[in-house]
Amino acid sequence: VLWTPDFLTEFRSRRGYELRRYLPALAESSFRFPGGASERIRHDYAQTLSELWVENHVVPTRRWANRHGLESAGRAFGADDIGLDVVEVAKAYDVPDVDHITNPTIDWVRTTTSGARISGNNRASSELGDLVGADYMITLETLKRIGDRQLVGGANQLDLHGYPYKFA
């Protein structure tokens, strides 16, 4: 569970209720409070976490970069069972980014690139070319397949992570 010293105060202020008594819903996804409350608690946690991440990290970084003539780029990690809202975080970057290692599905790319489109941004990047545990095993055909999948998902800027092919 991602946490900061002020998280409980921020949560209460933003969501209107005390989180402390509902912590088991965050620690164990199989834990169920009656009436669907566990799902609501996990949603509220993720929403609060996303808001705080954007306000305290992404926006200040973007402002700093823009003041220096640069664009900010980044991605939302922790978008698993309970984590960051990928679309909300992606909306806050100048150029939201995704990679095929995090999740190779087209839907994952679409989720990230949707943040760009909703915010009016016409660019979304994808890092490709790295295969975990398969150093020097990627072929040009595999690289093209990965790139095609990212383009179909809405990425329109492909950033080559590297091309560790021993016969290149």
C-alpha atoms as a PDB file:
ATOM      1  CA  VAL A   1       0.000   0.000   0.000  1.00  0.00           C
ATOM      2  CA  LEU A   2       1.476   3.324  -1.058  1.00  0.00           C
ATOM      3  CA  TRP A   3       1.466   5.842   1.769  1.00  0.00           C
ATOM      4  CA  THR A   4       2.671   9.246   2.966  1.00  0.00           C
ATOM      5  CA  PRO A   5       2.619  10.830   6.450  1.00  0.00           C
ATOM      6  CA  ASP A   6      -0.319  13.089   5.491  1.00  0.00           C
ATOM      7  CA  PHE A   7      -2.305  10.502   3.561  1.00  0.00           C
ATOM      8  CA  LEU A   8      -5.023   9.946   6.194  1.00  0.00           C
ATOM      9  CA  THR A   9      -5.619  13.685   6.526  1.00  0.00           C
ATOM     10  CA  GLU A  10      -5.728  14.161   2.757  1.00  0.00           C
ATOM     11  CA  PHE A  11      -8.039  11.173   2.347  1.00  0.00           C
ATOM     12  CA  ARG A  12     -10.497  12.460   4.973  1.00  0.00           C
ATOM     13  CA  SER A  13     -10.459  15.938   3.433  1.00  0.00           C
ATOM     14  CA  ARG A  14     -11.042  14.688  -0.123  1.00  0.00           C
ATOM     15  CA  ARG A  15     -13.338  11.710   0.426  1.00  0.00           C
ATOM     16  CA  GLY A  16     -15.220  12.837   3.539  1.00  0.00           C
ATOM     17  CA  TYR A  17     -14.641   9.805   5.753  1.00  0.00           C
ATOM     18  CA  GLU A  18     -11.957   8.256   7.929  1.00  0.00           C
ATOM     19  CA  LEU A  19      -9.901   5.559   6.173  1.00  0.00           C
ATOM     20  CA  ARG A  20      -8.141   4.048   9.201  1.00  0.00           C
ATOM     21  CA  ARG A  21     -10.942   1.639  10.154  1.00  0.00           C
ATOM     22  CA  TYR A  22     -11.159   0.382   6.563  1.00  0.00           C
ATOM     23  CA  LEU A  23      -7.464  -0.391   6.027  1.00  0.00           C
ATOM     24  CA  PRO A  24      -8.058  -4.177   5.763  1.00  0.00           C
ATOM     25  CA  ALA A  25      -9.787  -3.535   2.422  1.00  0.00           C
ATOM     26  CA  LEU A  26      -6.499  -2.134   1.092  1.00  0.00           C
ATOM     27  CA  ALA A  27      -4.228  -4.775   2.529  1.00  0.00           C
ATOM     28  CA  GLU A  28      -6.146  -7.772   1.262  1.00  0.00           C
ATOM     29  CA  SER A  29      -8.257  -7.713  -1.900  1.00  0.00           C
ATOM     30  CA  SER A  30     -10.250 -10.721  -0.708  1.00  0.00           C
ATOM     31  CA  PHE A  31     -11.337  -8.829   2.425  1.00  0.00           C
ATOM     32  CA  ARG A  32     -14.940  -7.714   2.007  1.00  0.00           C
ATOM     33  CA  PHE A  33     -16.860  -5.130   3.962  1.00  0.00           C
ATOM     34  CA  PRO A  34     -20.647  -5.495   3.598  1.00  0.00           C
ATOM     35  CA  GLY A  35     -22.593  -3.818   0.836  1.00  0.00           C
ATOM     36  CA  GLY A  36     -19.737  -3.442  -1.646  1.00  0.00           C
ATOM     37  CA  ALA A  37     -17.905  -0.988   0.614  1.00  0.00           C
ATOM     38  CA  SER A  38     -14.529  -2.640  -0.044  1.00  0.00           C
ATOM     39  CA  GLU A  39     -14.646  -1.787  -3.740  1.00  0.00           C
ATOM     40  CA  ARG A  40     -15.602   1.810  -2.908  1.00  0.00           C
ATOM     41  CA  ILE A  41     -12.767   2.077  -0.371  1.00  0.00           C
ATOM     42  CA  ARG A  42     -10.213   0.782  -2.891  1.00  0.00           C
ATOM     43  CA  HIS A  43     -11.560   3.170  -5.527  1.00  0.00           C
ATOM     44  CA  ASP A  44     -11.409   6.133  -3.132  1.00  0.00           C
ATOM     45  CA  TYR A  45      -7.870   5.176  -2.119  1.00  0.00           C
ATOM     46  CA  ALA A  46      -6.739   4.985  -5.758  1.00  0.00           C
ATOM     47  CA  GLN A  47      -8.437   8.292  -6.579  1.00  0.00           C
ATOM     48  CA  THR A  48      -6.787  10.032  -3.626  1.00  0.00           C
ATOM     49  CA  LEU A  49      -3.418   8.512  -4.451  1.00  0.00           C
ATOM     50  CA  SER A  50      -3.721   9.612  -8.090  1.00  0.00           C
ATOM     51  CA  GLU A  51      -4.727  13.153  -7.154  1.00  0.00           C
ATOM     52  CA  LEU A  52      -1.824  13.494  -4.726  1.00  0.00           C
ATOM     53  CA  TRP A  53       0.669  12.050  -7.216  1.00  0.00           C
ATOM     54  CA  VAL A  54      -0.447  14.444  -9.949  1.00  0.00           C
ATOM     55  CA  GLU A  55      -0.622  17.510  -7.672  1.00  0.00           C
ATOM     56  CA  ASN A  56       2.617  16.914  -5.777  1.00  0.00           C
ATOM     57  CA  HIS A  57       4.836  15.297  -8.398  1.00  0.00           C
ATOM     58  CA  VAL A  58       3.645  15.390 -11.994  1.00  0.00           C
ATOM     59  CA  VAL A  59       2.369  18.981 -12.160  1.00  0.00           C
ATOM     60  CA  PRO A  60       5.404  20.554 -10.418  1.00  0.00           C
ATOM     61  CA  THR A  61       7.734  18.563 -12.687  1.00  0.00           C
ATOM     62  CA  ARG A  62       5.786  19.602 -15.781  1.00  0.00           C
ATOM     63  CA  ARG A  63       5.840  23.262 -14.730  1.00  0.00           C
ATOM     64  CA  TRP A  64       9.574  23.133 -14.088  1.00  0.00           C
ATOM     65  CA  ALA A  65      10.215  21.487 -17.463  1.00  0.00           C
ATOM     66  CA  ASN A  66       7.986  23.982 -19.292  1.00  0.00           C
ATOM     67  CA  ARG A  67       9.754  26.952 -17.652  1.00  0.00           C
ATOM     68  CA  HIS A  68      12.998  25.586 -19.066  1.00  0.00           C
ATOM     69  CA  GLY A  69      11.643  25.048 -22.571  1.00  0.00           C
ATOM     70  CA  LEU A  70      11.171  21.316 -22.101  1.00  0.00           C
ATOM     71  CA  GLU A  71       8.229  18.948 -22.116  1.00  0.00           C
ATOM     72  CA  SER A  72       7.474  16.492 -19.357  1.00  0.00           C
ATOM     73  CA  ALA A  73       7.004  12.831 -20.148  1.00  0.00           C
ATOM     74  CA  GLY A  74       6.162   9.978 -17.845  1.00  0.00           C
ATOM     75  CA  ARG A  75       3.912   7.082 -17.069  1.00  0.00           C
ATOM     76  CA  ALA A  76       1.679   5.801 -14.312  1.00  0.00           C
ATOM     77  CA  PHE A  77       3.081   2.794 -12.556  1.00  0.00           C
ATOM     78  CA  GLY A  78       1.247   0.978  -9.802  1.00  0.00           C
ATOM     79  CA  ALA A  79      -1.849   0.664 -11.923  1.00  0.00           C
ATOM     80  CA  ASP A  80      -2.561  -2.803 -10.672  1.00  0.00           C
ATOM     81  CA  ASP A  81      -5.192  -3.988  -8.183  1.00  0.00           C
ATOM     82  CA  ILE A  82      -4.932  -0.759  -6.186  1.00  0.00           C
ATOM     83  CA  GLY A  83      -2.825   1.968  -7.682  1.00  0.00           C
ATOM     84  CA  LEU A  84      -2.730   5.065  -9.774  1.00  0.00           C
ATOM     85  CA  ASP A  85      -5.504   6.016 -12.166  1.00  0.00           C
ATOM     86  CA  VAL A  86      -3.597   5.714 -15.437  1.00  0.00           C
ATOM     87  CA  VAL A  87      -5.846   8.086 -17.395  1.00  0.00           C
ATOM     88  CA  GLU A  88      -5.716  10.831 -14.742  1.00  0.00           C
ATOM     89  CA  VAL A  89      -1.939  10.626 -14.455  1.00  0.00           C
ATOM     90  CA  ALA A  90      -1.465  10.513 -18.231  1.00  0.00           C
ATOM     91  CA  LYS A  91      -3.586  13.671 -18.621  1.00  0.00           C
ATOM     92  CA  ALA A  92      -1.106  15.599 -16.465  1.00  0.00           C
ATOM     93  CA  TYR A  93       2.021  14.961 -18.573  1.00  0.00           C
ATOM     94  CA  ASP A  94       2.918  16.885 -21.701  1.00  0.00           C
ATOM     95  CA  VAL A  95       3.665  13.535 -23.339  1.00  0.00           C
ATOM     96  CA  PRO A  96       2.260  10.495 -21.522  1.00  0.00           C
ATOM     97  CA  ASP A  97       4.258   7.336 -22.034  1.00  0.00           C
ATOM     98  CA  VAL A  98       3.615   3.608 -21.969  1.00  0.00           C
ATOM     99  CA  ASP A  99       5.823   0.593 -22.516  1.00  0.00           C
ATOM    100  CA  HIS A 100       5.136  -2.913 -23.659  1.00  0.00           C
ATOM    101  CA  ILE A 101       6.904  -4.520 -20.678  1.00  0.00           C
ATOM    102  CA  THR A 102       4.396  -3.164 -18.136  1.00  0.00           C
ATOM    103  CA  ASN A 103       1.501  -4.700 -20.023  1.00  0.00           C
ATOM    104  CA  PRO A 104       1.695  -5.821 -23.671  1.00  0.00           C
ATOM    105  CA  THR A 105      -2.035  -5.552 -24.427  1.00  0.00           C
ATOM    106  CA  ILE A 106      -3.549  -3.018 -26.788  1.00  0.00           C
ATOM    107  CA  ASP A 107      -6.059  -2.071 -24.075  1.00  0.00           C
ATOM    108  CA  TRP A 108      -3.220  -0.993 -21.756  1.00  0.00           C
ATOM    109  CA  VAL A 109      -1.835   1.293 -24.460  1.00  0.00           C
ATOM    110  CA  ARG A 110      -5.308   2.679 -25.155  1.00  0.00           C
ATOM    111  CA  THR A 111      -5.826   3.416 -21.476  1.00  0.00           C
ATOM    112  CA  THR A 112      -2.654   5.483 -21.321  1.00  0.00           C
ATOM    113  CA  THR A 113      -3.119   7.218 -24.644  1.00  0.00           C
ATOM    114  CA  SER A 114      -6.711   8.072 -23.693  1.00  0.00           C
ATOM    115  CA  GLY A 115      -5.298  10.384 -21.043  1.00  0.00           C
ATOM    116  CA  ALA A 116      -3.444  12.267 -23.760  1.00  0.00           C
ATOM    117  CA  ARG A 117      -6.511  12.576 -25.972  1.00  0.00           C
ATOM    118  CA  ILE A 118      -8.834  13.638 -23.146  1.00  0.00           C
ATOM    119  CA  SER A 119      -6.419  16.412 -22.139  1.00  0.00           C
ATOM    120  CA  GLY A 120      -6.195  17.652 -25.731  1.00  0.00           C
ATOM    121  CA  ASN A 121      -2.656  16.399 -26.222  1.00  0.00           C
ATOM    122  CA  ASN A 122      -1.974  14.986 -29.658  1.00  0.00           C
ATOM    123  CA  ARG A 123       1.066  12.925 -28.635  1.00  0.00           C
ATOM    124  CA  ALA A 124       1.526   9.759 -26.627  1.00  0.00           C
ATOM    125  CA  SER A 125       4.784   7.887 -26.637  1.00  0.00           C
ATOM    126  CA  SER A 126       5.682   4.258 -26.237  1.00  0.00           C
ATOM    127  CA  GLU A 127       9.016   2.835 -25.233  1.00  0.00           C
ATOM    128  CA  LEU A 128       9.733  -0.390 -27.024  1.00  0.00           C
ATOM    129  CA  GLY A 129      12.551  -2.773 -27.754  1.00  0.00           C
ATOM    130  CA  ASP A 130      13.354  -4.270 -24.377  1.00  0.00           C
ATOM    131  CA  LEU A 131      12.525  -7.856 -23.576  1.00  0.00           C
ATOM    132  CA  VAL A 132      13.003  -8.817 -19.937  1.00  0.00           C
ATOM    133  CA  GLY A 133      15.119 -11.935 -19.624  1.00  0.00           C
ATOM    134  CA  ALA A 134      15.702 -12.094 -23.367  1.00  0.00           C
ATOM    135  CA  ASP A 135      18.815 -10.020 -23.934  1.00  0.00           C
ATOM    136  CA  TYR A 136      20.157 -10.313 -27.474  1.00  0.00           C
ATOM    137  CA  MET A 137      17.109 -12.287 -28.522  1.00  0.00           C
ATOM    138  CA  ILE A 138      14.864  -9.641 -30.068  1.00  0.00           C
ATOM    139  CA  THR A 139      14.484  -9.728 -33.822  1.00  0.00           C
ATOM    140  CA  LEU A 140      13.417  -6.970 -36.176  1.00  0.00           C
ATOM    141  CA  GLU A 141      10.164  -8.859 -36.730  1.00  0.00           C
ATOM    142  CA  THR A 142       9.439  -8.859 -32.982  1.00  0.00           C
ATOM    143  CA  LEU A 143      10.322  -5.169 -32.734  1.00  0.00           C
ATOM    144  CA  LYS A 144       7.938  -4.386 -35.601  1.00  0.00           C
ATOM    145  CA  ARG A 145       5.156  -6.474 -34.025  1.00  0.00           C
ATOM    146  CA  ILE A 146       5.549  -4.628 -30.714  1.00  0.00           C
ATOM    147  CA  GLY A 147       5.609  -1.248 -32.475  1.00  0.00           C
ATOM    148  CA  ASP A 148       2.523  -2.076 -34.542  1.00  0.00           C
ATOM    149  CA  ARG A 149       0.638  -3.054 -31.385  1.00  0.00           C
ATOM    150  CA  GLN A 150       1.601   0.233 -29.691  1.00  0.00           C
ATOM    151  CA  LEU A 151       0.501   2.245 -32.743  1.00  0.00           C
ATOM    152  CA  VAL A 152      -2.841   0.418 -32.893  1.00  0.00           C
ATOM    153  CA  GLY A 153      -3.291   1.254 -29.198  1.00  0.00           C
ATOM    154  CA  GLY A 154      -2.904   4.963 -29.894  1.00  0.00           C
ATOM    155  CA  ALA A 155       0.779   5.683 -29.313  1.00  0.00           C
ATOM    156  CA  ASN A 156       2.061   7.930 -32.064  1.00  0.00           C
ATOM    157  CA  GLN A 157       5.644   8.434 -30.934  1.00  0.00           C
ATOM    158  CA  LEU A 158       7.758   5.301 -30.627  1.00  0.00           C
ATOM    159  CA  ASP A 159      10.915   5.592 -28.543  1.00  0.00           C
ATOM    160  CA  LEU A 160      13.398   2.804 -29.102  1.00  0.00           C
ATOM    161  CA  HIS A 161      14.636   1.593 -25.730  1.00  0.00           C
ATOM    162  CA  GLY A 162      17.462  -0.223 -27.369  1.00  0.00           C
ATOM    163  CA  TYR A 163      18.125  -2.879 -29.891  1.00  0.00           C
ATOM    164  CA  PRO A 164      20.162  -5.564 -28.130  1.00  0.00           C
ATOM    165  CA  TYR A 165      20.437  -7.919 -31.056  1.00  0.00           C
ATOM    166  CA  LYS A 166      23.797  -9.645 -31.246  1.00  0.00           C
ATOM    167  CA  PHE A 167      23.820  -9.869 -35.065  1.00  0.00           C
ATOM    168  CA  ALA A 168      22.906  -6.222 -35.699  1.00  0.00           C
END
